[in-house]
Amino acid sequence: MNATELQAKTPDQLRDSLVALKKEAFNLRFQQATGQLENTARMRAVRRDVARIKTVLNQKAAVAAAN
């Protein structure tokens, strides 16, 4: 997921994606705690995707507030 894809989405779609990624992050943390996590790099990717979505949401909010 890159920033240009996120810019094209609406804030509602971004929030839905954010919720889904947070659920995935929770499940990954649970798997890691129980020793079942195989792809540890996925945790980092999910964290970064969450940060990207939050950044785009904040940018969209700033643009909306400026208008």
PDB file of N, CA and C in Angstrom:
ATOM      1  N   MET A   1       0.847  -1.168   0.000  1.00  0.00           N
ATOM      2  CA  MET A   1       0.000   0.000   0.000  1.00  0.00           C
ATOM      3  C   MET A   1       0.897   1.236   0.000  1.00  0.00           C
ATOM      4  N   ASN A   2       0.724   2.099  -1.019  1.00  0.00           N
ATOM      5  CA  ASN A   2       1.549   3.302  -1.046  1.00  0.00           C
ATOM      6  C   ASN A   2       0.672   4.540  -0.878  1.00  0.00           C
ATOM      7  N   ALA A   3       1.310   5.674  -0.708  1.00  0.00           N
ATOM      8  CA  ALA A   3       0.596   6.898  -0.368  1.00  0.00           C
ATOM      9  C   ALA A   3      -0.310   7.368  -1.497  1.00  0.00           C
ATOM     10  N   THR A   4       0.079   7.133  -2.754  1.00  0.00           N
ATOM     11  CA  THR A   4      -0.770   7.588  -3.856  1.00  0.00           C
ATOM     12  C   THR A   4      -2.089   6.819  -3.889  1.00  0.00           C
ATOM     13  N   GLU A   5      -2.060   5.542  -3.548  1.00  0.00           N
ATOM     14  CA  GLU A   5      -3.298   4.767  -3.456  1.00  0.00           C
ATOM     15  C   GLU A   5      -4.183   5.315  -2.341  1.00  0.00           C
ATOM     16  N   LEU A   6      -3.568   5.689  -1.240  1.00  0.00           N
ATOM     17  CA  LEU A   6      -4.321   6.177  -0.092  1.00  0.00           C
ATOM     18  C   LEU A   6      -4.917   7.549  -0.360  1.00  0.00           C
ATOM     19  N   GLN A   7      -4.219   8.387  -1.100  1.00  0.00           N
ATOM     20  CA  GLN A   7      -4.726   9.726  -1.403  1.00  0.00           C
ATOM     21  C   GLN A   7      -6.023   9.646  -2.196  1.00  0.00           C
ATOM     22  N   ALA A   8      -6.181   8.604  -3.012  1.00  0.00           N
ATOM     23  CA  ALA A   8      -7.364   8.466  -3.855  1.00  0.00           C
ATOM     24  C   ALA A   8      -8.588   8.004  -3.063  1.00  0.00           C
ATOM     25  N   LYS A   9      -8.399   7.468  -1.875  1.00  0.00           N
ATOM     26  CA  LYS A   9      -9.511   6.946  -1.087  1.00  0.00           C
ATOM     27  C   LYS A   9     -10.188   8.059  -0.301  1.00  0.00           C
ATOM     28  N   THR A  10     -11.447   7.812   0.048  1.00  0.00           N
ATOM     29  CA  THR A  10     -12.185   8.767   0.874  1.00  0.00           C
ATOM     30  C   THR A  10     -11.807   8.551   2.342  1.00  0.00           C
ATOM     31  N   PRO A  11     -12.055   9.543   3.181  1.00  0.00           N
ATOM     32  CA  PRO A  11     -11.751   9.359   4.613  1.00  0.00           C
ATOM     33  C   PRO A  11     -12.467   8.162   5.239  1.00  0.00           C
ATOM     34  N   ASP A  12     -13.686   7.882   4.810  1.00  0.00           N
ATOM     35  CA  ASP A  12     -14.400   6.720   5.353  1.00  0.00           C
ATOM     36  C   ASP A  12     -13.712   5.416   4.967  1.00  0.00           C
ATOM     37  N   GLN A  13     -13.266   5.333   3.720  1.00  0.00           N
ATOM     38  CA  GLN A  13     -12.547   4.137   3.286  1.00  0.00           C
ATOM     39  C   GLN A  13     -11.240   3.987   4.050  1.00  0.00           C
ATOM     40  N   LEU A  14     -10.572   5.111   4.305  1.00  0.00           N
ATOM     41  CA  LEU A  14      -9.315   5.068   5.054  1.00  0.00           C
ATOM     42  C   LEU A  14      -9.550   4.589   6.483  1.00  0.00           C
ATOM     43  N   ARG A  15     -10.627   5.071   7.094  1.00  0.00           N
ATOM     44  CA  ARG A  15     -10.929   4.641   8.467  1.00  0.00           C
ATOM     45  C   ARG A  15     -11.236   3.149   8.521  1.00  0.00           C
ATOM     46  N   ASP A  16     -11.955   2.657   7.512  1.00  0.00           N
ATOM     47  CA  ASP A  16     -12.248   1.218   7.461  1.00  0.00           C
ATOM     48  C   ASP A  16     -10.959   0.408   7.323  1.00  0.00           C
ATOM     49  N   SER A  17     -10.054   0.885   6.472  1.00  0.00           N
ATOM     50  CA  SER A  17      -8.767   0.209   6.307  1.00  0.00           C
ATOM     51  C   SER A  17      -7.969   0.240   7.602  1.00  0.00           C
ATOM     52  N   LEU A  18      -8.043   1.364   8.300  1.00  0.00           N
ATOM     53  CA  LEU A  18      -7.320   1.516   9.563  1.00  0.00           C
ATOM     54  C   LEU A  18      -7.821   0.513  10.596  1.00  0.00           C
ATOM     55  N   VAL A  19      -9.124   0.346  10.681  1.00  0.00           N
ATOM     56  CA  VAL A  19      -9.704  -0.614  11.629  1.00  0.00           C
ATOM     57  C   VAL A  19      -9.243  -2.035  11.290  1.00  0.00           C
ATOM     58  N   ALA A  20      -9.279  -2.366   9.995  1.00  0.00           N
ATOM     59  CA  ALA A  20      -8.865  -3.703   9.578  1.00  0.00           C
ATOM     60  C   ALA A  20      -7.394  -3.952   9.888  1.00  0.00           C
ATOM     61  N   LEU A  21      -6.548  -2.953   9.666  1.00  0.00           N
ATOM     62  CA  LEU A  21      -5.122  -3.122   9.943  1.00  0.00           C
ATOM     63  C   LEU A  21      -4.856  -3.232  11.438  1.00  0.00           C
ATOM     64  N   LYS A  22      -5.597  -2.496  12.241  1.00  0.00           N
ATOM     65  CA  LYS A  22      -5.408  -2.601  13.689  1.00  0.00           C
ATOM     66  C   LYS A  22      -5.817  -3.983  14.201  1.00  0.00           C
ATOM     67  N   LYS A  23      -6.869  -4.549  13.607  1.00  0.00           N
ATOM     68  CA  LYS A  23      -7.256  -5.904  13.983  1.00  0.00           C
ATOM     69  C   LYS A  23      -6.167  -6.898  13.578  1.00  0.00           C
ATOM     70  N   GLU A  24      -5.616  -6.694  12.395  1.00  0.00           N
ATOM     71  CA  GLU A  24      -4.549  -7.588  11.947  1.00  0.00           C
ATOM     72  C   GLU A  24      -3.327  -7.467  12.854  1.00  0.00           C
ATOM     73  N   ALA A  25      -2.996  -6.228  13.251  1.00  0.00           N
ATOM     74  CA  ALA A  25      -1.852  -6.022  14.141  1.00  0.00           C
ATOM     75  C   ALA A  25      -2.083  -6.742  15.480  1.00  0.00           C
ATOM     76  N   PHE A  26      -3.306  -6.679  15.984  1.00  0.00           N
ATOM     77  CA  PHE A  26      -3.624  -7.375  17.230  1.00  0.00           C
ATOM     78  C   PHE A  26      -3.420  -8.874  17.070  1.00  0.00           C
ATOM     79  N   ASN A  27      -3.940  -9.425  15.970  1.00  0.00           N
ATOM     80  CA  ASN A  27      -3.798 -10.858  15.735  1.00  0.00           C
ATOM     81  C   ASN A  27      -2.338 -11.260  15.585  1.00  0.00           C
ATOM     82  N   LEU A  28      -1.551 -10.422  14.930  1.00  0.00           N
ATOM     83  CA  LEU A  28      -0.125 -10.723  14.771  1.00  0.00           C
ATOM     84  C   LEU A  28       0.595 -10.701  16.115  1.00  0.00           C
ATOM     85  N   ARG A  29       0.245  -9.727  16.960  1.00  0.00           N
ATOM     86  CA  ARG A  29       0.863  -9.675  18.301  1.00  0.00           C
ATOM     87  C   ARG A  29       0.482 -10.911  19.108  1.00  0.00           C
ATOM     88  N   PHE A  30      -0.763 -11.341  18.973  1.00  0.00           N
ATOM     89  CA  PHE A  30      -1.219 -12.529  19.687  1.00  0.00           C
ATOM     90  C   PHE A  30      -0.457 -13.758  19.207  1.00  0.00           C
ATOM     91  N   GLN A  31      -0.281 -13.878  17.880  1.00  0.00           N
ATOM     92  CA  GLN A  31       0.462 -15.003  17.330  1.00  0.00           C
ATOM     93  C   GLN A  31       1.909 -14.989  17.801  1.00  0.00           C
ATOM     94  N   GLN A  32       2.497 -13.801  17.879  1.00  0.00           N
ATOM     95  CA  GLN A  32       3.885 -13.713  18.330  1.00  0.00           C
ATOM     96  C   GLN A  32       4.005 -14.142  19.787  1.00  0.00           C
ATOM     97  N   ALA A  33       3.053 -13.749  20.607  1.00  0.00           N
ATOM     98  CA  ALA A  33       3.101 -14.094  22.022  1.00  0.00           C
ATOM     99  C   ALA A  33       2.959 -15.594  22.243  1.00  0.00           C
ATOM    100  N   THR A  34       2.214 -16.258  21.366  1.00  0.00           N
ATOM    101  CA  THR A  34       2.014 -17.697  21.520  1.00  0.00           C
ATOM    102  C   THR A  34       3.022 -18.513  20.726  1.00  0.00           C
ATOM    103  N   GLY A  35       3.929 -17.837  20.020  1.00  0.00           N
ATOM    104  CA  GLY A  35       4.968 -18.534  19.281  1.00  0.00           C
ATOM    105  C   GLY A  35       4.521 -19.097  17.946  1.00  0.00           C
ATOM    106  N   GLN A  36       3.400 -18.612  17.413  1.00  0.00           N
ATOM    107  CA  GLN A  36       2.874 -19.131  16.159  1.00  0.00           C
ATOM    108  C   GLN A  36       3.176 -18.233  14.963  1.00  0.00           C
ATOM    109  N   LEU A  37       3.780 -17.090  15.190  1.00  0.00           N
ATOM    110  CA  LEU A  37       4.011 -16.139  14.104  1.00  0.00           C
ATOM    111  C   LEU A  37       5.161 -16.615  13.226  1.00  0.00           C
ATOM    112  N   GLU A  38       4.892 -16.758  11.933  1.00  0.00           N
ATOM    113  CA  GLU A  38       5.914 -17.211  10.995  1.00  0.00           C
ATOM    114  C   GLU A  38       6.568 -16.054  10.254  1.00  0.00           C
ATOM    115  N   ASN A  39       5.759 -15.081   9.816  1.00  0.00           N
ATOM    116  CA  ASN A  39       6.283 -13.963   9.033  1.00  0.00           C
ATOM    117  C   ASN A  39       6.378 -12.726   9.928  1.00  0.00           C
ATOM    118  N   THR A  40       7.498 -12.550  10.566  1.00  0.00           N
ATOM    119  CA  THR A  40       7.654 -11.432  11.497  1.00  0.00           C
ATOM    120  C   THR A  40       7.730 -10.091  10.771  1.00  0.00           C
ATOM    121  N   ALA A  41       8.096 -10.092   9.516  1.00  0.00           N
ATOM    122  CA  ALA A  41       8.172  -8.840   8.751  1.00  0.00           C
ATOM    123  C   ALA A  41       6.787  -8.237   8.532  1.00  0.00           C
ATOM    124  N   ARG A  42       5.766  -9.060   8.604  1.00  0.00           N
ATOM    125  CA  ARG A  42       4.399  -8.550   8.395  1.00  0.00           C
ATOM    126  C   ARG A  42       4.016  -7.569   9.488  1.00  0.00           C
ATOM    127  N   MET A  43       4.517  -7.761  10.703  1.00  0.00           N
ATOM    128  CA  MET A  43       4.214  -6.834  11.797  1.00  0.00           C
ATOM    129  C   MET A  43       4.714  -5.433  11.460  1.00  0.00           C
ATOM    130  N   ARG A  44       5.906  -5.347  10.949  1.00  0.00           N
ATOM    131  CA  ARG A  44       6.482  -4.058  10.590  1.00  0.00           C
ATOM    132  C   ARG A  44       5.691  -3.409   9.448  1.00  0.00           C
ATOM    133  N   ALA A  45       5.303  -4.204   8.471  1.00  0.00           N
ATOM    134  CA  ALA A  45       4.546  -3.684   7.328  1.00  0.00           C
ATOM    135  C   ALA A  45       3.186  -3.141   7.776  1.00  0.00           C
ATOM    136  N   VAL A  46       2.545  -3.846   8.676  1.00  0.00           N
ATOM    137  CA  VAL A  46       1.237  -3.403   9.167  1.00  0.00           C
ATOM    138  C   VAL A  46       1.374  -2.106   9.952  1.00  0.00           C
ATOM    139  N   ARG A  47       2.390  -2.023  10.805  1.00  0.00           N
ATOM    140  CA  ARG A  47       2.609  -0.788  11.575  1.00  0.00           C
ATOM    141  C   ARG A  47       2.831   0.404  10.645  1.00  0.00           C
ATOM    142  N   ARG A  48       3.601   0.189   9.606  1.00  0.00           N
ATOM    143  CA  ARG A  48       3.891   1.276   8.664  1.00  0.00           C
ATOM    144  C   ARG A  48       2.657   1.649   7.847  1.00  0.00           C
ATOM    145  N   ASP A  49       1.842   0.664   7.490  1.00  0.00           N
ATOM    146  CA  ASP A  49       0.600   0.961   6.776  1.00  0.00           C
ATOM    147  C   ASP A  49      -0.345   1.777   7.646  1.00  0.00           C
ATOM    148  N   VAL A  50      -0.413   1.443   8.929  1.00  0.00           N
ATOM    149  CA  VAL A  50      -1.244   2.208   9.865  1.00  0.00           C
ATOM    150  C   VAL A  50      -0.744   3.655   9.918  1.00  0.00           C
ATOM    151  N   ALA A  51       0.557   3.833   9.993  1.00  0.00           N
ATOM    152  CA  ALA A  51       1.121   5.180  10.045  1.00  0.00           C
ATOM    153  C   ALA A  51       0.819   5.947   8.759  1.00  0.00           C
ATOM    154  N   ARG A  52       0.919   5.277   7.609  1.00  0.00           N
ATOM    155  CA  ARG A  52       0.612   5.936   6.333  1.00  0.00           C
ATOM    156  C   ARG A  52      -0.833   6.405   6.287  1.00  0.00           C
ATOM    157  N   ILE A  53      -1.741   5.547   6.729  1.00  0.00           N
ATOM    158  CA  ILE A  53      -3.158   5.901   6.708  1.00  0.00           C
ATOM    159  C   ILE A  53      -3.426   7.072   7.641  1.00  0.00           C
ATOM    160  N   LYS A  54      -2.831   7.045   8.822  1.00  0.00           N
ATOM    161  CA  LYS A  54      -3.027   8.155   9.762  1.00  0.00           C
ATOM    162  C   LYS A  54      -2.487   9.460   9.193  1.00  0.00           C
ATOM    163  N   THR A  55      -1.356   9.390   8.515  1.00  0.00           N
ATOM    164  CA  THR A  55      -0.764  10.576   7.914  1.00  0.00           C
ATOM    165  C   THR A  55      -1.681  11.156   6.842  1.00  0.00           C
ATOM    166  N   VAL A  56      -2.202  10.295   5.974  1.00  0.00           N
ATOM    167  CA  VAL A  56      -3.089  10.763   4.907  1.00  0.00           C
ATOM    168  C   VAL A  56      -4.370  11.334   5.493  1.00  0.00           C
ATOM    169  N   LEU A  57      -4.921  10.696   6.527  1.00  0.00           N
ATOM    170  CA  LEU A  57      -6.122  11.226   7.172  1.00  0.00           C
ATOM    171  C   LEU A  57      -5.866  12.610   7.765  1.00  0.00           C
ATOM    172  N   ASN A  58      -4.704  12.783   8.399  1.00  0.00           N
ATOM    173  CA  ASN A  58      -4.378  14.089   8.969  1.00  0.00           C
ATOM    174  C   ASN A  58      -4.177  15.137   7.884  1.00  0.00           C
ATOM    175  N   GLN A  59      -3.575  14.751   6.757  1.00  0.00           N
ATOM    176  CA  GLN A  59      -3.403  15.679   5.656  1.00  0.00           C
ATOM    177  C   GLN A  59      -4.757  16.111   5.094  1.00  0.00           C
ATOM    178  N   LYS A  60      -5.662  15.161   4.925  1.00  0.00           N
ATOM    179  CA  LYS A  60      -6.994  15.476   4.401  1.00  0.00           C
ATOM    180  C   LYS A  60      -7.760  16.376   5.376  1.00  0.00           C
ATOM    181  N   ALA A  61      -7.605  16.139   6.667  1.00  0.00           N
ATOM    182  CA  ALA A  61      -8.271  16.961   7.667  1.00  0.00           C
ATOM    183  C   ALA A  61      -7.716  18.379   7.653  1.00  0.00           C
ATOM    184  N   ALA A  62      -6.420  18.515   7.467  1.00  0.00           N
ATOM    185  CA  ALA A  62      -5.797  19.839   7.427  1.00  0.00           C
ATOM    186  C   ALA A  62      -6.275  20.627   6.201  1.00  0.00           C
ATOM    187  N   VAL A  63      -6.394  19.944   5.072  1.00  0.00           N
ATOM    188  CA  VAL A  63      -6.889  20.601   3.861  1.00  0.00           C
ATOM    189  C   VAL A  63      -8.338  21.039   4.047  1.00  0.00           C
ATOM    190  N   ALA A  64      -9.130  20.176   4.656  1.00  0.00           N
ATOM    191  CA  ALA A  64     -10.544  20.504   4.883  1.00  0.00           C
ATOM    192  C   ALA A  64     -10.685  21.676   5.856  1.00  0.00           C
ATOM    193  N   ALA A  65      -9.828  21.737   6.849  1.00  0.00           N
ATOM    194  CA  ALA A  65      -9.898  22.813   7.841  1.00  0.00           C
ATOM    195  C   ALA A  65      -9.432  24.140   7.248  1.00  0.00           C
ATOM    196  N   ALA A  66      -8.526  24.075   6.283  1.00  0.00           N
ATOM    197  CA  ALA A  66      -7.998  25.306   5.681  1.00  0.00           C
ATOM    198  C   ALA A  66      -9.017  25.945   4.738  1.00  0.00           C
ATOM    199  N   ASN A  67      -9.945  25.132   4.235  1.00  0.00           N
ATOM    200  CA  ASN A  67     -10.937  25.674   3.285  1.00  0.00           C
ATOM    201  C   ASN A  67     -12.136  26.236   3.952  1.00  0.00           C
TER     202      ASN A  67
END
